[in-house]
Amino acid sequence: MSVLTDVERWGNNHRPGFLDIFRMILGIFITYKGLHFITHMNELENTTAGINVWFAGAFLAHYVIFAHILAGPLIVAGLFTRIACALQLPILIGAVFLVNYPKGLFSVGNHMELEVSLIVLAGLIVFIIFGAGRFSIDAIRRREMEATH
């Protein structure tokens, strides 16, 4: 557990300020994608239909929507940011390697979904390491805990 604590402490102390704005944009985008998947459920079900395990496609589609709509606002607010980003990692890894990578880089018909997925995946990894930043609920909670101890 001390390794995680050391990584968290290092990330909190060596964090560029512009990442707060990027975190908020990333959270808004993830929330938007969750709402987009709700309104275009057939596209998401077609994407997950290739999984030939009983109800796996439907379960995966609902997990993606739930995780995006839950984690997006948490990332925007900076509340439980590392956990919210960790919930998104399997989705984005699947989006990059299983869904968008076979379609190719700079694919016009794919609306550059691979590039967007790579940026979101990189952002999630950055926020798992660096945390939410100064302008977040996590930072307020951390300062209150330090003041009581």
N, C-alpha and C. Protein backbone atom coordinates (compact mmCIF):
# COMPACT_ATOMS: atom_id res chain seq x y z
N MET A 1 0.80 -1.19 0.00
CA MET A 1 0.00 0.00 0.00
C MET A 1 0.85 1.26 0.00
N SER A 2 2.06 1.18 0.48
CA SER A 2 2.91 2.37 0.53
C SER A 2 3.32 2.82 -0.86
N VAL A 3 3.42 1.90 -1.83
CA VAL A 3 3.77 2.27 -3.19
C VAL A 3 2.66 3.15 -3.77
N LEU A 4 1.41 2.76 -3.56
CA LEU A 4 0.29 3.58 -4.04
C LEU A 4 0.27 4.94 -3.37
N THR A 5 0.54 4.97 -2.09
CA THR A 5 0.58 6.24 -1.36
C THR A 5 1.71 7.12 -1.88
N ASP A 6 2.87 6.52 -2.15
CA ASP A 6 4.00 7.28 -2.69
C ASP A 6 3.69 7.83 -4.07
N VAL A 7 3.05 7.02 -4.93
CA VAL A 7 2.67 7.49 -6.28
C VAL A 7 1.67 8.62 -6.18
N GLU A 8 0.70 8.49 -5.27
CA GLU A 8 -0.31 9.53 -5.08
C GLU A 8 0.34 10.82 -4.59
N ARG A 9 1.21 10.73 -3.63
CA ARG A 9 1.88 11.91 -3.09
C ARG A 9 2.75 12.58 -4.15
N TRP A 10 3.50 11.77 -4.92
CA TRP A 10 4.34 12.32 -5.98
C TRP A 10 3.48 13.01 -7.04
N GLY A 11 2.38 12.36 -7.44
CA GLY A 11 1.49 12.94 -8.44
C GLY A 11 0.86 14.25 -7.98
N ASN A 12 0.50 14.32 -6.72
CA ASN A 12 -0.11 15.54 -6.19
C ASN A 12 0.90 16.69 -6.13
N ASN A 13 2.16 16.40 -5.91
CA ASN A 13 3.18 17.44 -5.78
C ASN A 13 3.78 17.88 -7.11
N HIS A 14 3.68 17.07 -8.15
CA HIS A 14 4.32 17.37 -9.44
C HIS A 14 3.29 17.49 -10.55
N ARG A 15 2.27 18.22 -10.34
CA ARG A 15 1.14 18.28 -11.27
C ARG A 15 1.06 19.65 -11.93
N PRO A 16 1.09 19.69 -13.28
CA PRO A 16 0.92 20.98 -13.96
C PRO A 16 -0.51 21.49 -13.80
N GLY A 17 -0.68 22.79 -13.75
CA GLY A 17 -1.98 23.40 -13.50
C GLY A 17 -2.98 23.24 -14.64
N PHE A 18 -2.51 23.20 -15.89
CA PHE A 18 -3.44 23.11 -17.02
C PHE A 18 -4.21 21.79 -17.03
N LEU A 19 -3.76 20.81 -16.27
CA LEU A 19 -4.44 19.52 -16.25
C LEU A 19 -5.83 19.61 -15.61
N ASP A 20 -6.06 20.62 -14.78
CA ASP A 20 -7.40 20.78 -14.20
C ASP A 20 -8.43 21.07 -15.29
N ILE A 21 -8.07 21.92 -16.24
CA ILE A 21 -8.98 22.23 -17.34
C ILE A 21 -9.17 21.00 -18.22
N PHE A 22 -8.08 20.29 -18.50
CA PHE A 22 -8.17 19.07 -19.31
C PHE A 22 -9.02 18.01 -18.61
N ARG A 23 -8.90 17.90 -17.29
CA ARG A 23 -9.71 16.94 -16.54
C ARG A 23 -11.19 17.25 -16.69
N MET A 24 -11.55 18.52 -16.59
CA MET A 24 -12.95 18.90 -16.73
C MET A 24 -13.47 18.63 -18.14
N ILE A 25 -12.67 18.95 -19.14
CA ILE A 25 -13.07 18.68 -20.53
C ILE A 25 -13.21 17.19 -20.76
N LEU A 26 -12.28 16.42 -20.22
CA LEU A 26 -12.34 14.96 -20.36
C LEU A 26 -13.61 14.40 -19.71
N GLY A 27 -13.94 14.87 -18.53
CA GLY A 27 -15.16 14.42 -17.86
C GLY A 27 -16.42 14.78 -18.62
N ILE A 28 -16.46 15.98 -19.17
CA ILE A 28 -17.61 16.40 -19.98
C ILE A 28 -17.72 15.52 -21.22
N PHE A 29 -16.60 15.22 -21.85
CA PHE A 29 -16.61 14.39 -23.06
C PHE A 29 -17.08 12.96 -22.74
N ILE A 30 -16.61 12.41 -21.64
CA ILE A 30 -17.02 11.06 -21.26
C ILE A 30 -18.51 11.02 -20.94
N THR A 31 -19.02 12.05 -20.27
CA THR A 31 -20.45 12.12 -20.01
C THR A 31 -21.23 12.24 -21.31
N TYR A 32 -20.74 13.07 -22.23
CA TYR A 32 -21.39 13.21 -23.53
C TYR A 32 -21.45 11.87 -24.26
N LYS A 33 -20.35 11.12 -24.23
CA LYS A 33 -20.33 9.82 -24.91
C LYS A 33 -21.33 8.86 -24.27
N GLY A 34 -21.46 8.89 -22.96
CA GLY A 34 -22.45 8.05 -22.29
C GLY A 34 -23.87 8.40 -22.73
N LEU A 35 -24.16 9.69 -22.81
CA LEU A 35 -25.49 10.13 -23.26
C LEU A 35 -25.69 9.80 -24.74
N HIS A 36 -24.62 9.92 -25.53
CA HIS A 36 -24.69 9.56 -26.95
C HIS A 36 -24.99 8.08 -27.11
N PHE A 37 -24.36 7.25 -26.29
CA PHE A 37 -24.60 5.80 -26.38
C PHE A 37 -26.03 5.46 -25.99
N ILE A 38 -26.62 6.21 -25.04
CA ILE A 38 -28.02 5.96 -24.67
C ILE A 38 -28.94 6.25 -25.84
N THR A 39 -28.70 7.38 -26.50
CA THR A 39 -29.58 7.77 -27.60
C THR A 39 -29.31 6.98 -28.88
N HIS A 40 -28.15 6.36 -28.98
CA HIS A 40 -27.80 5.55 -30.15
C HIS A 40 -27.44 4.14 -29.69
N MET A 41 -28.32 3.54 -28.92
CA MET A 41 -28.06 2.23 -28.32
C MET A 41 -27.81 1.16 -29.39
N ASN A 42 -28.46 1.26 -30.53
CA ASN A 42 -28.28 0.24 -31.57
C ASN A 42 -26.85 0.21 -32.09
N GLU A 43 -26.18 1.38 -32.19
CA GLU A 43 -24.78 1.41 -32.62
C GLU A 43 -23.89 0.69 -31.61
N LEU A 44 -24.12 0.95 -30.34
CA LEU A 44 -23.33 0.32 -29.29
C LEU A 44 -23.59 -1.18 -29.25
N GLU A 45 -24.83 -1.59 -29.41
CA GLU A 45 -25.14 -3.02 -29.43
C GLU A 45 -24.53 -3.70 -30.64
N ASN A 46 -24.49 -3.03 -31.79
CA ASN A 46 -23.84 -3.59 -32.97
C ASN A 46 -22.34 -3.76 -32.74
N THR A 47 -21.75 -2.81 -32.03
CA THR A 47 -20.32 -2.89 -31.72
C THR A 47 -20.01 -4.07 -30.81
N THR A 48 -20.88 -4.30 -29.81
CA THR A 48 -20.63 -5.38 -28.84
C THR A 48 -21.24 -6.70 -29.28
N ALA A 49 -21.92 -6.75 -30.42
CA ALA A 49 -22.58 -7.98 -30.86
C ALA A 49 -21.60 -9.07 -31.25
N GLY A 50 -20.36 -8.72 -31.53
CA GLY A 50 -19.37 -9.71 -31.93
C GLY A 50 -18.94 -10.63 -30.80
N ILE A 51 -19.29 -10.31 -29.57
CA ILE A 51 -18.95 -11.15 -28.43
C ILE A 51 -19.99 -12.25 -28.36
N ASN A 52 -19.58 -13.48 -28.56
CA ASN A 52 -20.51 -14.60 -28.66
C ASN A 52 -20.70 -15.33 -27.33
N VAL A 53 -20.68 -14.59 -26.26
CA VAL A 53 -20.95 -15.16 -24.95
C VAL A 53 -22.35 -14.70 -24.55
N TRP A 54 -23.11 -15.56 -23.94
CA TRP A 54 -24.50 -15.31 -23.61
C TRP A 54 -24.67 -14.01 -22.85
N PHE A 55 -25.39 -13.06 -23.36
CA PHE A 55 -25.70 -11.75 -22.79
C PHE A 55 -24.47 -10.87 -22.56
N ALA A 56 -23.30 -11.27 -23.02
CA ALA A 56 -22.10 -10.46 -22.78
C ALA A 56 -22.18 -9.13 -23.52
N GLY A 57 -22.69 -9.14 -24.73
CA GLY A 57 -22.80 -7.89 -25.49
C GLY A 57 -23.73 -6.90 -24.83
N ALA A 58 -24.88 -7.35 -24.38
CA ALA A 58 -25.84 -6.45 -23.72
C ALA A 58 -25.28 -5.96 -22.39
N PHE A 59 -24.64 -6.85 -21.64
CA PHE A 59 -24.04 -6.45 -20.37
C PHE A 59 -22.96 -5.40 -20.61
N LEU A 60 -22.10 -5.64 -21.60
CA LEU A 60 -21.02 -4.72 -21.89
C LEU A 60 -21.56 -3.35 -22.32
N ALA A 61 -22.60 -3.35 -23.14
CA ALA A 61 -23.19 -2.08 -23.58
C ALA A 61 -23.73 -1.29 -22.39
N HIS A 62 -24.40 -1.97 -21.49
CA HIS A 62 -24.95 -1.29 -20.31
C HIS A 62 -23.85 -0.84 -19.35
N TYR A 63 -22.78 -1.62 -19.23
CA TYR A 63 -21.65 -1.22 -18.39
C TYR A 63 -21.00 0.05 -18.93
N VAL A 64 -20.82 0.11 -20.24
CA VAL A 64 -20.20 1.28 -20.86
C VAL A 64 -21.03 2.53 -20.55
N ILE A 65 -22.33 2.43 -20.75
CA ILE A 65 -23.20 3.59 -20.51
C ILE A 65 -23.18 3.98 -19.04
N PHE A 66 -23.34 3.01 -18.15
CA PHE A 66 -23.36 3.29 -16.71
C PHE A 66 -22.04 3.91 -16.27
N ALA A 67 -20.93 3.34 -16.70
CA ALA A 67 -19.62 3.84 -16.27
C ALA A 67 -19.37 5.25 -16.79
N HIS A 68 -19.76 5.52 -18.04
CA HIS A 68 -19.54 6.85 -18.60
C HIS A 68 -20.39 7.90 -17.88
N ILE A 69 -21.66 7.58 -17.64
CA ILE A 69 -22.55 8.56 -17.01
C ILE A 69 -22.21 8.75 -15.54
N LEU A 70 -21.73 7.72 -14.88
CA LEU A 70 -21.32 7.84 -13.48
C LEU A 70 -19.97 8.54 -13.35
N ALA A 71 -18.99 8.09 -14.12
CA ALA A 71 -17.63 8.58 -13.94
C ALA A 71 -17.41 9.97 -14.54
N GLY A 72 -18.11 10.31 -15.61
CA GLY A 72 -17.90 11.61 -16.25
C GLY A 72 -18.09 12.78 -15.30
N PRO A 73 -19.25 12.89 -14.63
CA PRO A 73 -19.42 14.00 -13.68
C PRO A 73 -18.44 13.94 -12.50
N LEU A 74 -18.08 12.73 -12.06
CA LEU A 74 -17.10 12.63 -10.97
C LEU A 74 -15.74 13.19 -11.42
N ILE A 75 -15.36 12.92 -12.65
CA ILE A 75 -14.09 13.43 -13.17
C ILE A 75 -14.16 14.95 -13.31
N VAL A 76 -15.28 15.48 -13.78
CA VAL A 76 -15.44 16.93 -13.90
C VAL A 76 -15.28 17.59 -12.53
N ALA A 77 -15.94 17.06 -11.52
CA ALA A 77 -15.90 17.64 -10.18
C ALA A 77 -14.60 17.33 -9.45
N GLY A 78 -13.88 16.34 -9.92
CA GLY A 78 -12.66 15.96 -9.22
C GLY A 78 -12.94 15.19 -7.95
N LEU A 79 -13.97 14.38 -7.95
CA LEU A 79 -14.36 13.58 -6.79
C LEU A 79 -14.09 12.12 -7.10
N PHE A 80 -13.30 11.46 -6.27
CA PHE A 80 -12.88 10.07 -6.49
C PHE A 80 -12.33 9.90 -7.91
N THR A 81 -11.48 10.82 -8.31
CA THR A 81 -11.01 10.89 -9.70
C THR A 81 -10.25 9.64 -10.11
N ARG A 82 -9.37 9.16 -9.27
CA ARG A 82 -8.58 7.99 -9.63
C ARG A 82 -9.46 6.76 -9.81
N ILE A 83 -10.45 6.59 -8.96
CA ILE A 83 -11.37 5.46 -9.07
C ILE A 83 -12.23 5.59 -10.33
N ALA A 84 -12.74 6.80 -10.58
CA ALA A 84 -13.56 7.03 -11.76
C ALA A 84 -12.77 6.77 -13.04
N CYS A 85 -11.52 7.17 -13.06
CA CYS A 85 -10.67 6.91 -14.24
C CYS A 85 -10.37 5.42 -14.38
N ALA A 86 -10.18 4.75 -13.27
CA ALA A 86 -9.92 3.31 -13.32
C ALA A 86 -11.13 2.54 -13.86
N LEU A 87 -12.35 3.03 -13.56
CA LEU A 87 -13.55 2.40 -14.12
C LEU A 87 -13.59 2.54 -15.65
N GLN A 88 -13.00 3.59 -16.16
CA GLN A 88 -13.02 3.85 -17.60
C GLN A 88 -11.94 3.09 -18.36
N LEU A 89 -10.88 2.69 -17.69
CA LEU A 89 -9.75 2.05 -18.38
C LEU A 89 -10.13 0.83 -19.21
N PRO A 90 -10.87 -0.16 -18.68
CA PRO A 90 -11.21 -1.31 -19.53
C PRO A 90 -12.02 -0.91 -20.76
N ILE A 91 -12.89 0.07 -20.61
CA ILE A 91 -13.72 0.52 -21.73
C ILE A 91 -12.84 1.13 -22.81
N LEU A 92 -11.92 2.01 -22.42
CA LEU A 92 -11.09 2.67 -23.41
C LEU A 92 -10.05 1.75 -24.01
N ILE A 93 -9.54 0.81 -23.24
CA ILE A 93 -8.61 -0.17 -23.81
C ILE A 93 -9.33 -1.00 -24.86
N GLY A 94 -10.56 -1.41 -24.56
CA GLY A 94 -11.36 -2.13 -25.55
C GLY A 94 -11.69 -1.28 -26.75
N ALA A 95 -12.01 0.00 -26.53
CA ALA A 95 -12.32 0.89 -27.64
C ALA A 95 -11.12 1.09 -28.55
N VAL A 96 -9.94 1.21 -27.96
CA VAL A 96 -8.74 1.43 -28.77
C VAL A 96 -8.35 0.17 -29.53
N PHE A 97 -8.20 -0.94 -28.82
CA PHE A 97 -7.60 -2.13 -29.43
C PHE A 97 -8.60 -3.06 -30.12
N LEU A 98 -9.83 -3.11 -29.65
CA LEU A 98 -10.78 -4.06 -30.24
C LEU A 98 -11.74 -3.41 -31.23
N VAL A 99 -12.08 -2.15 -31.02
CA VAL A 99 -13.09 -1.51 -31.87
C VAL A 99 -12.45 -0.60 -32.91
N ASN A 100 -11.61 0.34 -32.49
CA ASN A 100 -11.13 1.38 -33.40
C ASN A 100 -9.83 1.05 -34.12
N TYR A 101 -8.94 0.29 -33.50
CA TYR A 101 -7.66 -0.02 -34.13
C TYR A 101 -7.82 -0.78 -35.45
N PRO A 102 -8.71 -1.78 -35.52
CA PRO A 102 -8.87 -2.47 -36.80
C PRO A 102 -9.36 -1.57 -37.93
N LYS A 103 -10.01 -0.47 -37.61
CA LYS A 103 -10.52 0.44 -38.64
C LYS A 103 -9.44 1.35 -39.18
N GLY A 104 -8.35 1.52 -38.44
CA GLY A 104 -7.21 2.28 -38.94
C GLY A 104 -7.10 3.68 -38.40
N LEU A 105 -5.89 4.21 -38.55
CA LEU A 105 -5.56 5.55 -38.11
C LEU A 105 -6.04 6.56 -39.14
N PHE A 106 -6.50 7.70 -38.71
CA PHE A 106 -6.98 8.78 -39.57
C PHE A 106 -8.06 8.31 -40.54
N SER A 107 -8.91 7.44 -40.08
CA SER A 107 -9.98 6.91 -40.91
C SER A 107 -11.10 7.95 -41.02
N VAL A 108 -11.37 8.39 -42.24
CA VAL A 108 -12.37 9.43 -42.46
C VAL A 108 -13.76 8.90 -42.12
N GLY A 109 -14.07 7.69 -42.54
CA GLY A 109 -15.39 7.12 -42.26
C GLY A 109 -15.61 6.84 -40.79
N ASN A 110 -14.54 6.73 -40.04
CA ASN A 110 -14.62 6.44 -38.61
C ASN A 110 -14.58 7.71 -37.77
N HIS A 111 -14.51 8.88 -38.41
CA HIS A 111 -14.48 10.18 -37.74
C HIS A 111 -13.34 10.26 -36.73
N MET A 112 -12.22 9.64 -37.06
CA MET A 112 -11.00 9.68 -36.23
C MET A 112 -11.26 9.20 -34.80
N GLU A 113 -12.10 8.20 -34.65
CA GLU A 113 -12.43 7.67 -33.32
C GLU A 113 -11.20 7.06 -32.63
N LEU A 114 -10.28 6.47 -33.40
CA LEU A 114 -9.09 5.89 -32.78
C LEU A 114 -8.26 6.97 -32.11
N GLU A 115 -8.08 8.08 -32.78
CA GLU A 115 -7.27 9.16 -32.22
C GLU A 115 -7.93 9.73 -30.96
N VAL A 116 -9.24 9.92 -31.00
CA VAL A 116 -9.97 10.44 -29.84
C VAL A 116 -9.87 9.44 -28.68
N SER A 117 -10.03 8.15 -28.99
CA SER A 117 -9.94 7.12 -27.95
C SER A 117 -8.55 7.09 -27.33
N LEU A 118 -7.51 7.28 -28.14
CA LEU A 118 -6.14 7.29 -27.61
C LEU A 118 -5.91 8.50 -26.69
N ILE A 119 -6.45 9.65 -27.07
CA ILE A 119 -6.31 10.85 -26.23
C ILE A 119 -7.03 10.65 -24.90
N VAL A 120 -8.24 10.10 -24.95
CA VAL A 120 -9.00 9.87 -23.72
C VAL A 120 -8.29 8.84 -22.85
N LEU A 121 -7.78 7.76 -23.45
CA LEU A 121 -7.04 6.73 -22.70
C LEU A 121 -5.81 7.34 -22.04
N ALA A 122 -5.05 8.15 -22.77
CA ALA A 122 -3.87 8.80 -22.20
C ALA A 122 -4.27 9.73 -21.06
N GLY A 123 -5.37 10.47 -21.24
CA GLY A 123 -5.84 11.36 -20.18
C GLY A 123 -6.22 10.60 -18.92
N LEU A 124 -6.89 9.46 -19.09
CA LEU A 124 -7.27 8.66 -17.93
C LEU A 124 -6.04 8.17 -17.18
N ILE A 125 -5.03 7.73 -17.90
CA ILE A 125 -3.80 7.26 -17.27
C ILE A 125 -3.11 8.41 -16.52
N VAL A 126 -3.10 9.59 -17.13
CA VAL A 126 -2.49 10.76 -16.47
C VAL A 126 -3.21 11.07 -15.16
N PHE A 127 -4.54 11.01 -15.16
CA PHE A 127 -5.28 11.36 -13.93
C PHE A 127 -5.24 10.25 -12.89
N ILE A 128 -5.00 9.03 -13.31
CA ILE A 128 -4.77 7.97 -12.32
C ILE A 128 -3.46 8.23 -11.60
N ILE A 129 -2.46 8.69 -12.33
CA ILE A 129 -1.15 8.96 -11.73
C ILE A 129 -1.13 10.27 -10.97
N PHE A 130 -1.59 11.35 -11.62
CA PHE A 130 -1.45 12.69 -11.04
C PHE A 130 -2.61 13.11 -10.15
N GLY A 131 -3.75 12.44 -10.22
CA GLY A 131 -4.88 12.82 -9.39
C GLY A 131 -5.66 13.97 -9.99
N ALA A 132 -6.58 14.51 -9.20
CA ALA A 132 -7.53 15.49 -9.70
C ALA A 132 -6.97 16.91 -9.78
N GLY A 133 -6.04 17.26 -8.93
CA GLY A 133 -5.47 18.59 -8.98
C GLY A 133 -6.00 19.52 -7.90
N ARG A 134 -5.55 20.77 -7.97
CA ARG A 134 -5.87 21.75 -6.94
C ARG A 134 -7.33 22.17 -6.93
N PHE A 135 -7.94 22.24 -8.10
CA PHE A 135 -9.32 22.71 -8.22
C PHE A 135 -10.26 21.53 -8.31
N SER A 136 -10.37 20.80 -7.22
CA SER A 136 -11.20 19.59 -7.21
C SER A 136 -11.71 19.33 -5.80
N ILE A 137 -12.73 18.52 -5.75
CA ILE A 137 -13.27 18.13 -4.44
C ILE A 137 -12.28 17.23 -3.71
N ASP A 138 -11.53 16.41 -4.46
CA ASP A 138 -10.50 15.57 -3.84
C ASP A 138 -9.48 16.42 -3.09
N ALA A 139 -9.07 17.55 -3.68
CA ALA A 139 -8.09 18.43 -3.03
C ALA A 139 -8.67 19.06 -1.77
N ILE A 140 -9.93 19.44 -1.82
CA ILE A 140 -10.58 20.01 -0.63
C ILE A 140 -10.64 18.97 0.47
N ARG A 141 -11.02 17.75 0.13
CA ARG A 141 -11.09 16.68 1.13
C ARG A 141 -9.71 16.37 1.70
N ARG A 142 -8.69 16.38 0.85
CA ARG A 142 -7.33 16.10 1.31
C ARG A 142 -6.85 17.18 2.27
N ARG A 143 -7.14 18.46 1.95
CA ARG A 143 -6.74 19.56 2.85
C ARG A 143 -7.47 19.47 4.18
N GLU A 144 -8.75 19.10 4.18
CA GLU A 144 -9.50 18.97 5.43
C GLU A 144 -8.96 17.82 6.28
N MET A 145 -8.57 16.73 5.62
CA MET A 145 -8.01 15.59 6.39
C MET A 145 -6.66 15.96 6.98
N GLU A 146 -5.84 16.71 6.24
CA GLU A 146 -4.54 17.13 6.76
C GLU A 146 -4.71 18.12 7.90
N ALA A 147 -5.73 18.95 7.85
CA ALA A 147 -5.96 19.93 8.92
C ALA A 147 -6.42 19.27 10.22
N THR A 148 -7.12 18.14 10.11
CA THR A 148 -7.59 17.46 11.32
C THR A 148 -6.52 16.58 11.94
N HIS A 149 -5.48 16.30 11.21
CA HIS A 149 -4.43 15.42 11.76
C HIS A 149 -3.27 16.20 12.21
